[in-house]
C-alpha atoms as a PDB file:
ATOM      1  CA  MET A   1    -174.420-114.583-130.787  1.00  0.00           C
ATOM      2  CA  PRO A   2    -171.869-112.123-132.280  1.00  0.00           C
ATOM      3  CA  ARG A   3    -168.837-113.672-133.978  1.00  0.00           C
ATOM      4  CA  SER A   4    -165.651-113.692-131.891  1.00  0.00           C
ATOM      5  CA  LEU A   5    -162.732-111.536-132.992  1.00  0.00           C
ATOM      6  CA  ASP A   6    -160.230-113.888-131.348  1.00  0.00           C
ATOM      7  CA  GLY A   7    -157.367-114.692-133.722  1.00  0.00           C
ATOM      8  CA  LEU A   8    -158.637-112.519-136.582  1.00  0.00           C
ATOM      9  CA  VAL A   9    -156.275-110.304-138.586  1.00  0.00           C
ATOM     10  CA  LEU A  10    -157.780-107.028-139.825  1.00  0.00           C
ATOM     11  CA  ALA A  11    -156.465-104.231-142.045  1.00  0.00           C
ATOM     12  CA  PRO A  12    -157.672-100.717-142.924  1.00  0.00           C
ATOM     13  CA  VAL A  13    -159.452-100.462-146.279  1.00  0.00           C
ATOM     14  CA  ALA A  14    -157.930 -97.001-146.927  1.00  0.00           C
ATOM     15  CA  ASP A  15    -154.882 -95.001-145.866  1.00  0.00           C
ATOM     16  CA  GLN A  16    -155.310 -92.316-143.230  1.00  0.00           C
ATOM     17  CA  ALA A  17    -153.101 -89.228-142.904  1.00  0.00           C
ATOM     18  CA  PRO A  18    -149.303 -89.747-142.880  1.00  0.00           C
ATOM     19  CA  GLY A  19    -148.011 -91.117-139.588  1.00  0.00           C
ATOM     20  CA  GLN A  20    -151.179 -93.050-138.852  1.00  0.00           C
ATOM     21  CA  VAL A  21    -152.310 -96.569-139.598  1.00  0.00           C
ATOM     22  CA  GLY A  22    -152.862 -97.420-143.252  1.00  0.00           C
ATOM     23  CA  THR A  23    -153.475-100.266-145.655  1.00  0.00           C
ATOM     24  CA  ARG A  24    -150.106-101.845-144.744  1.00  0.00           C
ATOM     25  CA  THR A  25    -151.019-101.956-141.029  1.00  0.00           C
ATOM     26  CA  ARG A  26    -152.273-105.275-139.641  1.00  0.00           C
ATOM     27  CA  PHE A  27    -154.192-105.768-136.387  1.00  0.00           C
ATOM     28  CA  THR A  28    -154.246-109.189-134.695  1.00  0.00           C
ATOM     29  CA  TYR A  29    -157.255-109.316-132.361  1.00  0.00           C
ATOM     30  CA  HIS A  30    -157.865-111.356-129.223  1.00  0.00           C
ATOM     31  CA  GLU A  31    -161.086-111.681-127.267  1.00  0.00           C
ATOM     32  CA  ARG A  32    -162.081-113.351-124.010  1.00  0.00           C
ATOM     33  CA  ASN A  33    -165.087-112.798-121.727  1.00  0.00           C
ATOM     34  CA  GLY A  34    -165.925-109.358-123.092  1.00  0.00           C
ATOM     35  CA  GLU A  35    -162.293-108.185-123.078  1.00  0.00           C
ATOM     36  CA  ILE A  36    -160.608-107.319-126.375  1.00  0.00           C
ATOM     37  CA  TRP A  37    -156.995-106.547-127.177  1.00  0.00           C
ATOM     38  CA  ALA A  38    -154.813-106.437-130.251  1.00  0.00           C
ATOM     39  CA  GLU A  39    -151.278-105.904-131.441  1.00  0.00           C
ATOM     40  CA  TYR A  40    -150.683-103.966-134.635  1.00  0.00           C
ATOM     41  CA  ALA A  41    -147.800-102.909-136.876  1.00  0.00           C
ATOM     42  CA  GLY A  42    -147.075-101.894-140.446  1.00  0.00           C
ATOM     43  CA  GLY A  43    -146.701 -98.763-142.507  1.00  0.00           C
ATOM     44  CA  ASP A  44    -145.636 -95.866-140.272  1.00  0.00           C
ATOM     45  CA  VAL A  45    -146.350 -97.864-137.096  1.00  0.00           C
ATOM     46  CA  VAL A  46    -143.523 -99.937-135.581  1.00  0.00           C
ATOM     47  CA  ARG A  47    -145.683-101.334-132.790  1.00  0.00           C
ATOM     48  CA  GLY A  48    -149.133-100.629-131.424  1.00  0.00           C
ATOM     49  CA  HIS A  49    -151.463-102.082-128.822  1.00  0.00           C
ATOM     50  CA  LEU A  50    -155.125-101.654-128.055  1.00  0.00           C
ATOM     51  CA  VAL A  51    -157.176-102.825-125.089  1.00  0.00           C
ATOM     52  CA  GLY A  52    -160.825-102.496-124.185  1.00  0.00           C
ATOM     53  CA  ILE A  53    -164.201-104.143-123.894  1.00  0.00           C
ATOM     54  CA  ARG A  54    -166.855-105.589-126.153  1.00  0.00           C
ATOM     55  CA  GLU A  55    -170.571-105.392-125.479  1.00  0.00           C
ATOM     56  CA  GLY A  56    -172.501-107.125-128.264  1.00  0.00           C
ATOM     57  CA  ASP A  57    -171.383-105.568-131.542  1.00  0.00           C
ATOM     58  CA  ARG A  58    -169.792-102.508-129.889  1.00  0.00           C
ATOM     59  CA  LEU A  59    -166.078-102.221-129.056  1.00  0.00           C
ATOM     60  CA  ASP A  60    -164.715 -99.480-126.792  1.00  0.00           C
ATOM     61  CA  PHE A  61    -160.932 -99.331-126.458  1.00  0.00           C
ATOM     62  CA  ARG A  62    -157.825 -97.226-125.975  1.00  0.00           C
ATOM     63  CA  TYR A  63    -154.789 -97.530-128.261  1.00  0.00           C
ATOM     64  CA  VAL A  64    -151.120 -96.561-128.062  1.00  0.00           C
ATOM     65  CA  GLN A  65    -148.493 -96.735-130.794  1.00  0.00           C
ATOM     66  CA  LEU A  66    -144.820 -96.153-131.584  1.00  0.00           C
ATOM     67  CA  LYS A  67    -143.984 -94.780-135.022  1.00  0.00           C
ATOM     68  CA  HIS A  68    -140.774 -95.164-137.054  1.00  0.00           C
ATOM     69  CA  ASP A  69    -139.800 -91.563-136.265  1.00  0.00           C
ATOM     70  CA  GLY A  70    -139.634 -92.485-132.544  1.00  0.00           C
ATOM     71  CA  THR A  71    -142.792 -90.646-131.499  1.00  0.00           C
ATOM     72  CA  THR A  72    -145.639 -92.172-129.538  1.00  0.00           C
ATOM     73  CA  SER A  73    -149.334 -91.365-129.582  1.00  0.00           C
ATOM     74  CA  CYS A  74    -152.528 -92.619-127.976  1.00  0.00           C
ATOM     75  CA  GLY A  75    -156.259 -92.315-128.352  1.00  0.00           C
ATOM     76  CA  HIS A  76    -159.761 -93.708-127.885  1.00  0.00           C
ATOM     77  CA  CYS A  77    -161.904 -95.621-130.380  1.00  0.00           C
ATOM     78  CA  VAL A  78    -165.468 -96.927-130.518  1.00  0.00           C
ATOM     79  CA  SER A  79    -166.188 -99.536-133.208  1.00  0.00           C
ATOM     80  CA  THR A  80    -169.197-101.416-134.510  1.00  0.00           C
ATOM     81  CA  VAL A  81    -168.684-105.050-135.569  1.00  0.00           C
ATOM     82  CA  VAL A  82    -170.349-105.869-138.909  1.00  0.00           C
ATOM     83  CA  GLU A  83    -170.409-109.255-140.639  1.00  0.00           C
ATOM     84  CA  LEU A  84    -169.862-108.911-144.387  1.00  0.00           C
ATOM     85  CA  PRO A  85    -171.866-110.984-146.923  1.00  0.00           C
ATOM     86  CA  ASP A  86    -168.777-113.161-147.554  1.00  0.00           C
ATOM     87  CA  GLY A  87    -168.530-113.983-143.811  1.00  0.00           C
ATOM     88  CA  ARG A  88    -165.574-111.712-143.027  1.00  0.00           C
ATOM     89  CA  VAL A  89    -165.689-109.142-140.238  1.00  0.00           C
ATOM     90  CA  ARG A  90    -165.624-105.356-140.669  1.00  0.00           C
ATOM     91  CA  LEU A  91    -165.114-102.792-137.894  1.00  0.00           C
ATOM     92  CA  GLU A  92    -166.613 -99.355-138.516  1.00  0.00           C
ATOM     93  CA  GLU A  93    -164.632 -97.040-136.254  1.00  0.00           C
ATOM     94  CA  SER A  94    -164.870 -93.554-134.760  1.00  0.00           C
ATOM     95  CA  TRP A  95    -161.613 -92.493-133.114  1.00  0.00           C
ATOM     96  CA  GLN A  96    -160.070 -89.524-131.388  1.00  0.00           C
ATOM     97  CA  TRP A  97    -156.464 -88.850-130.477  1.00  0.00           C
ATOM     98  CA  GLU A  98    -155.866 -88.119-126.788  1.00  0.00           C
ATOM     99  CA  SER A  99    -152.173 -87.230-127.143  1.00  0.00           C
ATOM    100  CA  GLN A 100    -152.599 -84.787-130.025  1.00  0.00           C
ATOM    101  CA  PRO A 101    -155.363 -82.972-131.917  1.00  0.00           C
ATOM    102  CA  GLY A 102    -157.453 -84.955-134.353  1.00  0.00           C
ATOM    103  CA  SER A 103    -160.335 -87.370-134.806  1.00  0.00           C
ATOM    104  CA  GLY A 104    -161.978 -89.294-137.597  1.00  0.00           C
ATOM    105  CA  THR A 105    -163.563 -92.466-138.855  1.00  0.00           C
ATOM    106  CA  SER A 106    -162.061 -95.557-140.438  1.00  0.00           C
ATOM    107  CA  VAL A 107    -162.973 -99.043-141.574  1.00  0.00           C
ATOM    108  CA  VAL A 108    -160.915-102.198-141.035  1.00  0.00           C
ATOM    109  CA  GLU A 109    -161.763-105.567-142.527  1.00  0.00           C
ATOM    110  CA  GLU A 110    -160.700-109.139-141.894  1.00  0.00           C
ATOM    111  CA  VAL A 111    -157.728-110.283-143.978  1.00  0.00           C
ATOM    112  CA  THR A 112    -157.666-113.885-145.168  1.00  0.00           C
ATOM    113  CA  GLY A 113    -155.431-116.173-147.222  1.00  0.00           C
ATOM    114  CA  PRO A 114    -151.853-115.328-148.257  1.00  0.00           C
ATOM    115  CA  ALA A 115    -152.072-111.764-146.862  1.00  0.00           C
ATOM    116  CA  VAL A 116    -152.319-113.184-143.322  1.00  0.00           C
ATOM    117  CA  GLN A 117    -149.197-115.300-143.785  1.00  0.00           C
ATOM    118  CA  GLN A 118    -147.247-112.324-145.144  1.00  0.00           C
ATOM    119  CA  VAL A 119    -148.209-110.230-142.124  1.00  0.00           C
ATOM    120  CA  THR A 120    -147.273-112.928-139.638  1.00  0.00           C
ATOM    121  CA  ARG A 121    -143.795-113.285-141.127  1.00  0.00           C
ATOM    122  CA  SER A 122    -143.065-109.566-141.377  1.00  0.00           C
ATOM    123  CA  ALA A 123    -144.492-108.329-138.058  1.00  0.00           C
ATOM    124  CA  PRO A 124    -141.885-107.127-135.513  1.00  0.00           C
END
């Protein structure tokens, strides 16, 4: 049985291009009956949301975000859930903007310990 993402906080392992999510962005995931959703913020992103489905270790979702410069953007992402040797979760992602040109890959990993508390206090 794949591990649930419900309540996990994840962060990118590397910065993307300016104006996108980066190592200061935190995603708080929720999961119920094959549905997944998350809120995210940090770095250039004031507020973001994603919603989609999970089938086994595959996530398929759409995302929308508001940046500090007042612009919005949206896109589609497909992720594979991987359990790391230390028990944390990694998402290996392939994404594509739908509101602007661009696509790519990224990796986000579960954040634990003091980093989670810091995110919870500073999130909008």
